[in-house]
Amino acid sequence: MILDDFLSFDADGLYCGYGDFYLDPKQPVAKAVITHAHADHAVSGNTSVYATAATVAFMQLRYGKNAGKVIYTATYNAPFEIGEVQITFIPAGHMPGSAQVLMEYKDTRYLYTGDYKLQPDSTCEPMQFVKADVLITESTFAEPNTAHPDPVEEIKKLNDIKVNILLGAYSLGKSQRLIRMINEYAPQKKVLVHHRIMPINAIYEKLGFALGKHQMYGRKLMKTQEEWVYIVPPFTFDSYLRATGVKRLFASGWKNLQVNAQDTLFISDHADWADILHTIEQTQPKQVWTLHGEGKHLRDHFKNDIFVKLLN
């Protein structure tokens, strides 16, 4: 039987009262099940943290001793229990260590996706589908007119830009994916990386995800036109608003983050509308619960076929 109150929101985030734990809490809590290490899903200061080893490694890099007082790591597809709820981490395809959280309670399966993507990505584990009675899906891009383009064709656009490129990207996840893709599909480019990104790259390499050739940024290097691509985090990208002698690009699935109409770079680490529908098809849920975005389009799409509940 599906329990309507299996998950609920309170001031600290998404709470499972039947196991007494939070999923990606917004504030530090006693028991936190963390899907991945991005800051909007993994806060510091939790007492007990349940996550994959890769997620823990990134959290420890960013938070040090505040990553969690007690840390429980679990591999993919290896069930464990919190209270009376059995939990299994399933690959989510978002970044290394990212996990969907399969929760089983009294013979009912609830699957919380966290952030996920279906597009191929050689810098993380691929998305894995499992069956569930309730799919709790992110709906960041759950809008029928949203379709992410082929990321390979997007990165190949860099081949036509013959000046140095200042490329904005999130430090964890997106930057590493870009480094790998540039090495594969724009190999004549030379990749420079902001110093804050380099320690994250080292964890990727340790996890077995080879990124390809890149080096630390040097000011003298960018003064020469040798088809450099300098990857920087958002705060640095914004500080170079008036940079001359470079083409400014920002890699994102969001249209409002593209900095010029002529040269866009639509590369997203989230599922688009078609991918969400495909995930629902593969999961075969009796109900779909949405969060982290707009769920009304899914409710309108399925009408009476599948019950869709908007959690936020």
Protein backbone atom coordinates (compact mmCIF):
# COMPACT_ATOMS: atom_id res chain seq x y z
CA MET A 1 0.00 0.00 0.00
CA ILE A 2 1.30 3.44 -0.96
CA LEU A 3 1.53 5.74 2.05
CA ASP A 4 0.65 9.30 1.12
CA ASP A 5 2.70 10.61 4.04
CA PHE A 6 5.78 8.45 3.42
CA LEU A 7 7.65 11.66 2.54
CA SER A 8 6.86 15.18 3.67
CA PHE A 9 8.53 18.57 3.77
CA ASP A 10 9.37 20.49 6.92
CA ALA A 11 11.78 23.33 7.73
CA ASP A 12 14.80 21.05 7.30
CA GLY A 13 13.75 19.53 3.98
CA LEU A 14 12.33 16.26 2.66
CA TYR A 15 11.65 13.92 5.59
CA CYS A 16 10.83 10.22 5.83
CA GLY A 17 9.11 9.73 9.18
CA TYR A 18 8.94 5.95 8.76
CA GLY A 19 12.74 5.77 8.82
CA ASP A 20 13.39 9.04 10.67
CA PHE A 21 15.81 10.43 8.09
CA TYR A 22 16.02 13.29 5.59
CA LEU A 23 16.77 13.12 1.88
CA ASP A 24 19.22 15.87 0.83
CA PRO A 25 18.26 18.09 3.80
CA LYS A 26 18.43 21.87 3.49
CA GLN A 27 19.74 22.24 7.07
CA PRO A 28 21.98 19.99 9.20
CA VAL A 29 19.99 17.06 10.65
CA ALA A 30 20.59 13.93 12.71
CA LYS A 31 20.30 11.47 9.78
CA ALA A 32 20.93 12.65 6.21
CA VAL A 33 20.74 10.45 3.11
CA ILE A 34 22.71 12.38 0.48
CA THR A 35 22.20 11.66 -3.23
CA HIS A 36 25.20 13.61 -4.51
CA ALA A 37 27.76 16.20 -3.48
CA HIS A 38 26.43 19.40 -5.05
CA ALA A 39 25.94 22.04 -2.38
CA ASP A 40 22.18 22.35 -2.90
CA HIS A 41 21.83 18.65 -2.00
CA ALA A 42 24.72 18.09 0.41
CA VAL A 43 24.93 20.51 3.33
CA SER A 44 27.64 20.31 5.96
CA GLY A 45 27.16 19.68 9.66
CA ASN A 46 24.90 16.61 9.61
CA THR A 47 25.37 14.13 12.45
CA SER A 48 25.03 10.91 10.44
CA VAL A 49 25.57 10.87 6.67
CA TYR A 50 24.58 8.02 4.36
CA ALA A 51 26.07 8.31 0.87
CA THR A 52 28.27 6.64 -1.72
CA ALA A 53 32.03 6.74 -1.24
CA ALA A 54 32.46 9.20 -4.12
CA THR A 55 29.90 11.59 -2.64
CA VAL A 56 31.65 11.40 0.71
CA ALA A 57 35.03 12.12 -0.92
CA PHE A 58 33.71 15.30 -2.55
CA MET A 59 31.98 16.39 0.67
CA GLN A 60 35.17 15.87 2.66
CA LEU A 61 37.10 17.95 0.14
CA ARG A 62 34.63 20.81 0.46
CA TYR A 63 33.66 20.58 4.13
CA GLY A 64 36.56 18.83 5.84
CA LYS A 65 35.59 17.62 9.32
CA ASN A 66 32.13 19.16 8.91
CA ALA A 67 31.18 16.67 6.19
CA GLY A 68 29.45 14.61 8.90
CA LYS A 69 30.21 13.32 12.38
CA VAL A 70 29.37 9.70 11.50
CA ILE A 71 29.57 8.61 7.87
CA TYR A 72 28.07 5.45 6.42
CA THR A 73 29.10 4.60 2.87
CA ALA A 74 27.23 2.17 0.66
CA THR A 75 27.98 0.88 -2.81
CA TYR A 76 25.40 0.80 -5.57
CA ASN A 77 22.78 -1.96 -5.40
CA ALA A 78 23.79 -2.95 -1.85
CA PRO A 79 20.75 -2.64 0.48
CA PHE A 80 21.04 -1.31 4.03
CA GLU A 81 18.51 -0.24 6.62
CA ILE A 82 17.65 2.92 8.48
CA GLY A 83 15.02 2.01 11.02
CA GLU A 84 12.37 -0.08 9.28
CA VAL A 85 13.14 1.29 5.80
CA GLN A 86 15.45 -0.63 3.48
CA ILE A 87 17.53 1.65 1.27
CA THR A 88 19.45 0.90 -1.90
CA PHE A 89 21.56 3.37 -3.87
CA ILE A 90 21.00 3.18 -7.64
CA PRO A 91 23.26 5.05 -10.16
CA ALA A 92 21.71 8.36 -11.23
CA GLY A 93 24.07 9.43 -14.04
CA HIS A 94 24.37 12.99 -12.72
CA MET A 95 28.00 12.97 -11.52
CA PRO A 96 30.35 10.45 -9.86
CA GLY A 97 28.67 8.81 -6.90
CA SER A 98 25.26 10.31 -7.64
CA ALA A 99 22.51 8.00 -6.50
CA GLN A 100 18.82 7.46 -6.74
CA VAL A 101 17.48 6.31 -3.39
CA LEU A 102 15.26 3.23 -3.50
CA MET A 103 13.28 2.99 -0.25
CA GLU A 104 11.33 -0.17 0.54
CA TYR A 105 8.80 -0.23 3.36
CA LYS A 106 6.14 -2.89 3.92
CA ASP A 107 6.48 -4.25 0.36
CA THR A 108 6.11 -0.82 -1.28
CA ARG A 109 8.97 0.69 -3.29
CA TYR A 110 9.57 4.44 -3.33
CA LEU A 111 12.32 5.71 -5.66
CA TYR A 112 13.74 9.20 -5.10
CA THR A 113 15.81 10.18 -8.13
CA GLY A 114 17.76 13.13 -6.78
CA ASP A 115 19.28 14.88 -9.82
CA TYR A 116 19.74 12.57 -12.79
CA LYS A 117 20.45 12.48 -16.50
CA LEU A 118 20.19 9.92 -19.26
CA GLN A 119 22.68 11.45 -21.72
CA PRO A 120 25.94 9.49 -22.07
CA ASP A 121 28.73 10.80 -19.85
CA SER A 122 32.09 9.08 -19.56
CA THR A 123 32.89 10.96 -16.32
CA CYS A 124 30.29 9.21 -14.15
CA GLU A 125 28.35 5.99 -13.71
CA PRO A 126 25.41 5.70 -16.16
CA MET A 127 21.81 6.02 -15.03
CA GLN A 128 20.23 2.70 -14.05
CA PHE A 129 16.48 2.02 -14.18
CA VAL A 130 14.60 0.10 -11.49
CA LYS A 131 10.92 -0.57 -10.95
CA ALA A 132 9.06 1.30 -8.22
CA ASP A 133 5.52 1.84 -6.99
CA VAL A 134 6.19 5.55 -6.47
CA LEU A 135 8.69 7.59 -8.48
CA ILE A 136 9.77 10.79 -6.75
CA THR A 137 11.42 12.63 -9.62
CA GLU A 138 13.21 15.92 -9.94
CA SER A 139 11.40 18.09 -12.47
CA THR A 140 13.99 20.77 -13.18
CA PHE A 141 13.29 20.66 -16.92
CA ALA A 142 9.86 18.99 -16.83
CA GLU A 143 8.40 21.20 -19.53
CA PRO A 144 7.21 19.79 -22.89
CA ASN A 145 9.12 22.35 -24.95
CA THR A 146 12.44 21.54 -23.27
CA ALA A 147 14.75 19.23 -25.20
CA HIS A 148 18.47 19.15 -24.49
CA PRO A 149 20.60 18.99 -27.67
CA ASP A 150 23.27 16.38 -28.30
CA PRO A 151 26.17 17.39 -25.99
CA VAL A 152 28.74 16.11 -28.50
CA GLU A 153 27.42 18.43 -31.20
CA GLU A 154 27.38 21.27 -28.69
CA ILE A 155 31.03 20.81 -27.67
CA LYS A 156 32.07 20.53 -31.34
CA LYS A 157 31.01 24.17 -31.71
CA LEU A 158 34.29 25.07 -30.00
CA ASN A 159 36.16 23.87 -33.09
CA ASP A 160 34.83 26.86 -35.04
CA ILE A 161 35.98 29.42 -32.47
CA LYS A 162 39.54 30.39 -33.29
CA VAL A 163 40.18 32.78 -30.40
CA ASN A 164 40.79 31.87 -26.77
CA ILE A 165 37.66 30.86 -24.88
CA LEU A 166 36.66 31.74 -21.34
CA LEU A 167 34.30 28.91 -20.43
CA GLY A 168 32.13 29.20 -17.34
CA ALA A 169 31.01 25.98 -15.65
CA TYR A 170 30.19 24.65 -12.21
CA SER A 171 33.33 23.39 -10.50
CA LEU A 172 32.03 19.96 -9.56
CA GLY A 173 30.59 17.76 -12.28
CA LYS A 174 30.21 20.07 -15.25
CA SER A 175 33.86 21.20 -15.45
CA GLN A 176 35.16 17.64 -15.50
CA ARG A 177 32.66 16.57 -18.12
CA LEU A 178 33.75 19.49 -20.30
CA ILE A 179 37.45 18.68 -19.94
CA ARG A 180 36.83 15.12 -21.09
CA MET A 181 34.57 16.16 -23.97
CA ILE A 182 36.97 18.83 -25.21
CA ASN A 183 39.78 16.28 -25.25
CA GLU A 184 37.59 13.88 -27.23
CA TYR A 185 35.76 16.17 -29.65
CA ALA A 186 37.88 19.34 -29.89
CA PRO A 187 41.35 17.86 -29.41
CA GLN A 188 43.21 20.80 -30.91
CA LYS A 189 42.05 22.94 -27.98
CA LYS A 190 44.31 23.30 -24.96
CA VAL A 191 42.47 23.17 -21.66
CA LEU A 192 43.34 25.45 -18.76
CA VAL A 193 41.61 25.00 -15.43
CA HIS A 194 40.97 27.37 -12.52
CA HIS A 195 42.95 26.42 -9.40
CA ARG A 196 39.80 25.63 -7.39
CA ILE A 197 38.79 22.97 -9.88
CA MET A 198 42.07 21.06 -9.84
CA PRO A 199 41.57 19.26 -6.46
CA ILE A 200 38.19 18.02 -7.69
CA ASN A 201 39.85 16.71 -10.84
CA ALA A 202 42.29 14.76 -8.66
CA ILE A 203 39.39 12.93 -6.99
CA TYR A 204 37.94 12.08 -10.40
CA GLU A 205 41.23 10.55 -11.47
CA LYS A 206 41.46 8.61 -8.19
CA LEU A 207 37.95 7.27 -8.78
CA GLY A 208 39.06 6.01 -12.21
CA PHE A 209 37.48 8.70 -14.40
CA ALA A 210 40.24 9.90 -16.73
CA LEU A 211 39.68 13.47 -17.89
CA GLY A 212 42.39 13.92 -20.50
CA LYS A 213 44.95 16.66 -20.94
CA HIS A 214 44.57 19.87 -18.93
CA GLN A 215 46.73 22.16 -16.86
CA MET A 216 46.51 24.89 -14.26
CA TYR A 217 45.72 28.36 -15.57
CA GLY A 218 48.63 30.72 -16.11
CA ARG A 219 48.14 34.39 -17.03
CA LYS A 220 50.97 34.38 -19.55
CA LEU A 221 49.43 31.45 -21.42
CA MET A 222 46.16 33.25 -22.08
CA LYS A 223 48.03 36.21 -23.53
CA THR A 224 48.87 34.06 -26.55
CA GLN A 225 46.25 32.98 -29.10
CA GLU A 226 46.80 29.23 -29.11
CA GLU A 227 43.19 28.06 -28.91
CA TRP A 228 43.18 27.92 -25.13
CA VAL A 229 39.95 27.05 -23.33
CA TYR A 230 40.06 28.37 -19.77
CA ILE A 231 37.42 26.69 -17.58
CA VAL A 232 36.37 28.79 -14.61
CA PRO A 233 33.67 28.58 -11.90
CA PRO A 234 30.73 31.01 -12.07
CA PHE A 235 32.09 33.59 -9.62
CA THR A 236 35.31 33.94 -11.64
CA PHE A 237 33.41 33.96 -14.93
CA ASP A 238 31.26 36.85 -13.71
CA SER A 239 34.33 38.80 -12.60
CA TYR A 240 35.68 38.68 -16.18
CA LEU A 241 32.61 40.40 -17.60
CA ARG A 242 34.73 42.84 -19.62
CA ALA A 243 37.50 40.44 -20.60
CA THR A 244 39.01 41.23 -24.00
CA GLY A 245 40.63 38.93 -26.52
CA VAL A 246 38.46 35.96 -25.51
CA LYS A 247 35.09 34.50 -26.40
CA ARG A 248 32.90 34.12 -23.30
CA LEU A 249 30.68 31.00 -23.08
CA PHE A 250 28.77 29.41 -20.21
CA ALA A 251 27.90 25.71 -20.32
CA SER A 252 24.38 25.13 -19.03
CA GLY A 253 20.99 23.74 -19.91
CA TRP A 254 19.42 27.05 -18.92
CA LYS A 255 18.78 29.59 -21.67
CA ASN A 256 19.12 32.53 -19.29
CA LEU A 257 22.71 31.51 -18.46
CA GLN A 258 23.86 31.70 -22.08
CA VAL A 259 25.89 34.89 -22.36
CA ASN A 260 25.53 35.63 -26.06
CA ALA A 261 23.07 34.69 -28.76
CA GLN A 262 25.71 33.80 -31.36
CA ASP A 263 27.66 31.24 -29.36
CA THR A 264 25.58 29.11 -27.01
CA LEU A 265 26.64 25.94 -25.22
CA PHE A 266 23.59 24.00 -24.05
CA ILE A 267 25.06 21.16 -22.00
CA SER A 268 22.89 20.00 -19.12
CA ASP A 269 23.39 17.44 -16.37
CA HIS A 270 19.65 17.02 -15.82
CA ALA A 271 16.92 15.04 -17.57
CA ASP A 272 14.80 16.93 -20.09
CA TRP A 273 11.11 16.33 -20.80
CA ALA A 274 11.61 13.28 -23.02
CA ASP A 275 14.09 11.75 -20.58
CA ILE A 276 11.68 12.17 -17.67
CA LEU A 277 8.92 10.49 -19.64
CA HIS A 278 11.29 7.66 -20.57
CA THR A 279 12.28 7.24 -16.92
CA ILE A 280 8.62 7.00 -15.92
CA GLU A 281 8.07 4.42 -18.66
CA GLN A 282 10.99 2.32 -17.44
CA THR A 283 10.14 2.67 -13.75
CA GLN A 284 6.46 1.79 -14.26
CA PRO A 285 5.21 3.58 -11.14
CA LYS A 286 1.63 3.67 -9.92
CA GLN A 287 2.22 7.24 -8.78
CA VAL A 288 4.68 10.03 -9.66
CA TRP A 289 5.63 12.64 -7.07
CA THR A 290 7.53 15.70 -8.32
CA LEU A 291 9.91 18.14 -6.70
CA HIS A 292 12.84 20.45 -7.54
CA GLY A 293 10.91 22.10 -10.34
CA GLU A 294 7.53 22.40 -11.98
CA GLY A 295 5.43 19.23 -11.93
CA LYS A 296 2.12 20.49 -13.29
CA HIS A 297 3.06 19.63 -16.88
CA LEU A 298 3.53 15.99 -15.92
CA ARG A 299 0.17 16.03 -14.14
CA ASP A 300 -1.49 17.46 -17.24
CA HIS A 301 0.32 14.99 -19.50
CA PHE A 302 -0.73 11.85 -17.62
CA LYS A 303 -4.18 13.08 -16.57
CA ASN A 304 -6.01 9.96 -15.37
CA ASP A 305 -3.35 7.44 -16.48
CA ILE A 306 -0.92 7.98 -13.59
CA PHE A 307 -1.59 9.92 -10.40
CA VAL A 308 0.90 12.83 -10.18
CA LYS A 309 1.43 14.64 -6.89
CA LEU A 310 3.38 17.90 -6.61
CA LEU A 311 5.48 17.79 -3.45
CA ASN A 312 6.62 21.41 -3.74
